[in-house]
Amino acid sequence: GYMTEAAAALSGWAVSQPGVKTVRAQTARDNPASCRVLEKCGFRLIRTLPAPSQKDAEELLWEYGGPAPVV
């Protein structure tokens, strides 16, 4: 829906700016809707981090590097 469209537009715009090669996003592991939005926008999961505010919780770090090159 709207969030996927907004995230795709913002991340696409960001990597088109001079000097910007990647965009990173962080989500809670227990927030599958946000994870799915990032997946649909082309973000890749790169790392799992401990959540700073909750004991035994994890957060996910995602990265977007623009569209895949056409080969």
N, C-alpha and C. Protein backbone atom coordinates (compact mmCIF):
# COMPACT_ATOMS: atom_id res chain seq x y z
N GLY A 1 0.78 -1.17 0.00
CA GLY A 1 0.00 0.00 0.00
C GLY A 1 0.85 1.26 0.00
N TYR A 2 0.35 2.21 0.74
CA TYR A 2 0.98 3.53 0.77
C TYR A 2 2.39 3.50 1.35
N MET A 3 2.61 2.71 2.39
CA MET A 3 3.94 2.70 3.01
C MET A 3 4.98 2.12 2.07
N THR A 4 4.63 1.07 1.34
CA THR A 4 5.57 0.49 0.38
C THR A 4 5.91 1.51 -0.70
N GLU A 5 4.90 2.20 -1.20
CA GLU A 5 5.12 3.21 -2.23
C GLU A 5 6.00 4.34 -1.72
N ALA A 6 5.75 4.79 -0.50
CA ALA A 6 6.54 5.87 0.09
C ALA A 6 7.98 5.44 0.34
N ALA A 7 8.17 4.25 0.90
CA ALA A 7 9.52 3.76 1.18
C ALA A 7 10.31 3.55 -0.11
N ALA A 8 9.66 3.04 -1.15
CA ALA A 8 10.34 2.83 -2.44
C ALA A 8 10.75 4.17 -3.05
N ALA A 9 9.86 5.15 -3.01
CA ALA A 9 10.17 6.47 -3.57
C ALA A 9 11.31 7.14 -2.80
N LEU A 10 11.25 7.08 -1.49
CA LEU A 10 12.28 7.73 -0.67
C LEU A 10 13.64 7.07 -0.83
N SER A 11 13.69 5.74 -0.80
CA SER A 11 14.98 5.06 -0.94
C SER A 11 15.53 5.22 -2.35
N GLY A 12 14.66 5.19 -3.36
CA GLY A 12 15.12 5.42 -4.73
C GLY A 12 15.67 6.82 -4.92
N TRP A 13 14.98 7.81 -4.35
CA TRP A 13 15.46 9.19 -4.41
C TRP A 13 16.80 9.32 -3.70
N ALA A 14 16.92 8.71 -2.52
CA ALA A 14 18.14 8.84 -1.73
C ALA A 14 19.36 8.32 -2.47
N VAL A 15 19.25 7.14 -3.09
CA VAL A 15 20.43 6.59 -3.78
C VAL A 15 20.72 7.32 -5.09
N SER A 16 19.81 8.16 -5.54
CA SER A 16 20.09 8.95 -6.75
C SER A 16 20.84 10.24 -6.42
N GLN A 17 21.02 10.54 -5.14
CA GLN A 17 21.72 11.74 -4.72
C GLN A 17 23.23 11.53 -4.81
N PRO A 18 23.97 12.58 -5.15
CA PRO A 18 25.42 12.45 -5.25
C PRO A 18 26.04 11.95 -3.94
N GLY A 19 26.89 10.95 -4.06
CA GLY A 19 27.61 10.42 -2.91
C GLY A 19 26.87 9.38 -2.09
N VAL A 20 25.60 9.14 -2.38
CA VAL A 20 24.83 8.16 -1.62
C VAL A 20 24.82 6.84 -2.39
N LYS A 21 25.31 5.78 -1.76
CA LYS A 21 25.36 4.47 -2.41
C LYS A 21 24.39 3.48 -1.81
N THR A 22 24.08 3.64 -0.52
CA THR A 22 23.16 2.72 0.15
C THR A 22 22.27 3.48 1.13
N VAL A 23 21.14 2.86 1.43
CA VAL A 23 20.21 3.36 2.44
C VAL A 23 20.01 2.22 3.42
N ARG A 24 20.00 2.53 4.69
CA ARG A 24 19.77 1.50 5.71
C ARG A 24 18.50 1.79 6.48
N ALA A 25 17.87 0.71 6.92
CA ALA A 25 16.65 0.81 7.73
C ALA A 25 16.74 -0.23 8.84
N GLN A 26 16.07 0.05 9.93
CA GLN A 26 16.08 -0.86 11.07
C GLN A 26 14.64 -1.12 11.50
N THR A 27 14.31 -2.40 11.73
CA THR A 27 12.97 -2.78 12.16
C THR A 27 13.07 -3.75 13.34
N ALA A 28 12.01 -3.84 14.09
CA ALA A 28 11.92 -4.85 15.14
C ALA A 28 11.66 -6.20 14.47
N ARG A 29 12.28 -7.23 15.00
CA ARG A 29 12.07 -8.57 14.43
C ARG A 29 10.59 -8.97 14.51
N ASP A 30 9.91 -8.52 15.53
CA ASP A 30 8.50 -8.90 15.71
C ASP A 30 7.53 -7.94 15.00
N ASN A 31 8.01 -7.28 13.94
CA ASN A 31 7.16 -6.40 13.14
C ASN A 31 7.20 -6.87 11.68
N PRO A 32 6.50 -7.97 11.37
CA PRO A 32 6.59 -8.54 10.03
C PRO A 32 6.06 -7.61 8.93
N ALA A 33 5.13 -6.73 9.25
CA ALA A 33 4.61 -5.82 8.23
C ALA A 33 5.70 -4.87 7.74
N SER A 34 6.48 -4.32 8.65
CA SER A 34 7.57 -3.43 8.26
C SER A 34 8.65 -4.19 7.50
N CYS A 35 8.94 -5.40 7.93
CA CYS A 35 9.93 -6.22 7.23
C CYS A 35 9.48 -6.49 5.80
N ARG A 36 8.21 -6.78 5.61
CA ARG A 36 7.68 -7.07 4.28
C ARG A 36 7.74 -5.84 3.38
N VAL A 37 7.46 -4.66 3.93
CA VAL A 37 7.56 -3.42 3.15
C VAL A 37 8.98 -3.27 2.62
N LEU A 38 9.97 -3.46 3.49
CA LEU A 38 11.36 -3.31 3.06
C LEU A 38 11.74 -4.36 2.02
N GLU A 39 11.30 -5.59 2.20
CA GLU A 39 11.58 -6.64 1.21
C GLU A 39 11.00 -6.27 -0.15
N LYS A 40 9.76 -5.78 -0.16
CA LYS A 40 9.12 -5.42 -1.42
C LYS A 40 9.82 -4.25 -2.10
N CYS A 41 10.49 -3.41 -1.33
CA CYS A 41 11.22 -2.26 -1.89
C CYS A 41 12.63 -2.62 -2.33
N GLY A 42 13.05 -3.87 -2.13
CA GLY A 42 14.38 -4.29 -2.57
C GLY A 42 15.46 -4.23 -1.52
N PHE A 43 15.08 -4.00 -0.26
CA PHE A 43 16.08 -4.01 0.82
C PHE A 43 16.50 -5.45 1.09
N ARG A 44 17.75 -5.62 1.51
CA ARG A 44 18.28 -6.93 1.89
C ARG A 44 18.61 -6.91 3.38
N LEU A 45 18.29 -8.00 4.06
CA LEU A 45 18.62 -8.13 5.48
C LEU A 45 20.12 -8.35 5.59
N ILE A 46 20.80 -7.50 6.38
CA ILE A 46 22.25 -7.64 6.49
C ILE A 46 22.73 -8.00 7.89
N ARG A 47 21.91 -7.77 8.92
CA ARG A 47 22.40 -8.05 10.27
C ARG A 47 21.25 -8.09 11.27
N THR A 48 21.42 -8.86 12.32
CA THR A 48 20.51 -8.88 13.46
C THR A 48 21.21 -8.21 14.63
N LEU A 49 20.50 -7.31 15.30
CA LEU A 49 21.08 -6.54 16.40
C LEU A 49 20.25 -6.73 17.66
N PRO A 50 20.87 -6.63 18.83
CA PRO A 50 20.07 -6.64 20.06
C PRO A 50 19.30 -5.33 20.17
N ALA A 51 18.06 -5.40 20.58
CA ALA A 51 17.25 -4.19 20.75
C ALA A 51 17.72 -3.44 21.99
N PRO A 52 17.98 -2.16 21.88
CA PRO A 52 18.50 -1.41 23.03
C PRO A 52 17.49 -1.21 24.15
N SER A 53 16.20 -1.28 23.82
CA SER A 53 15.20 -0.94 24.83
C SER A 53 14.54 -2.14 25.50
N GLN A 54 14.73 -3.34 24.93
CA GLN A 54 14.06 -4.51 25.50
C GLN A 54 15.05 -5.68 25.64
N LYS A 55 15.03 -6.28 26.79
CA LYS A 55 15.89 -7.44 27.03
C LYS A 55 15.39 -8.60 26.17
N ASP A 56 16.30 -9.32 25.57
CA ASP A 56 16.02 -10.50 24.74
C ASP A 56 15.26 -10.19 23.45
N ALA A 57 15.15 -8.92 23.06
CA ALA A 57 14.51 -8.57 21.80
C ALA A 57 15.58 -8.32 20.74
N GLU A 58 15.20 -8.45 19.49
CA GLU A 58 16.15 -8.24 18.40
C GLU A 58 15.58 -7.26 17.39
N GLU A 59 16.49 -6.56 16.75
CA GLU A 59 16.13 -5.68 15.65
C GLU A 59 16.88 -6.14 14.41
N LEU A 60 16.32 -5.84 13.25
CA LEU A 60 16.91 -6.25 11.99
C LEU A 60 17.42 -5.02 11.25
N LEU A 61 18.60 -5.13 10.68
CA LEU A 61 19.20 -4.05 9.90
C LEU A 61 19.13 -4.43 8.43
N TRP A 62 18.55 -3.54 7.63
CA TRP A 62 18.33 -3.76 6.21
C TRP A 62 19.14 -2.76 5.40
N GLU A 63 19.47 -3.14 4.15
CA GLU A 63 20.23 -2.23 3.29
C GLU A 63 19.65 -2.25 1.87
N TYR A 64 19.61 -1.07 1.28
CA TYR A 64 19.14 -0.90 -0.10
C TYR A 64 20.26 -0.24 -0.88
N GLY A 65 20.61 -0.85 -2.01
CA GLY A 65 21.69 -0.30 -2.81
C GLY A 65 21.24 0.09 -4.20
N GLY A 66 19.96 0.32 -4.37
CA GLY A 66 19.45 0.68 -5.68
C GLY A 66 19.09 -0.54 -6.49
N PRO A 67 18.60 -0.32 -7.69
CA PRO A 67 18.20 -1.45 -8.53
C PRO A 67 19.40 -2.32 -8.89
N ALA A 68 19.14 -3.60 -9.04
CA ALA A 68 20.21 -4.51 -9.45
C ALA A 68 20.65 -4.16 -10.87
N PRO A 69 21.94 -4.25 -11.15
CA PRO A 69 22.41 -3.93 -12.50
C PRO A 69 21.87 -4.93 -13.53
N VAL A 70 21.59 -4.45 -14.70
CA VAL A 70 21.13 -5.31 -15.78
C VAL A 70 22.35 -5.89 -16.48
N VAL A 71 22.40 -7.22 -16.58
CA VAL A 71 23.57 -7.89 -17.18
C VAL A 71 23.21 -8.42 -18.54
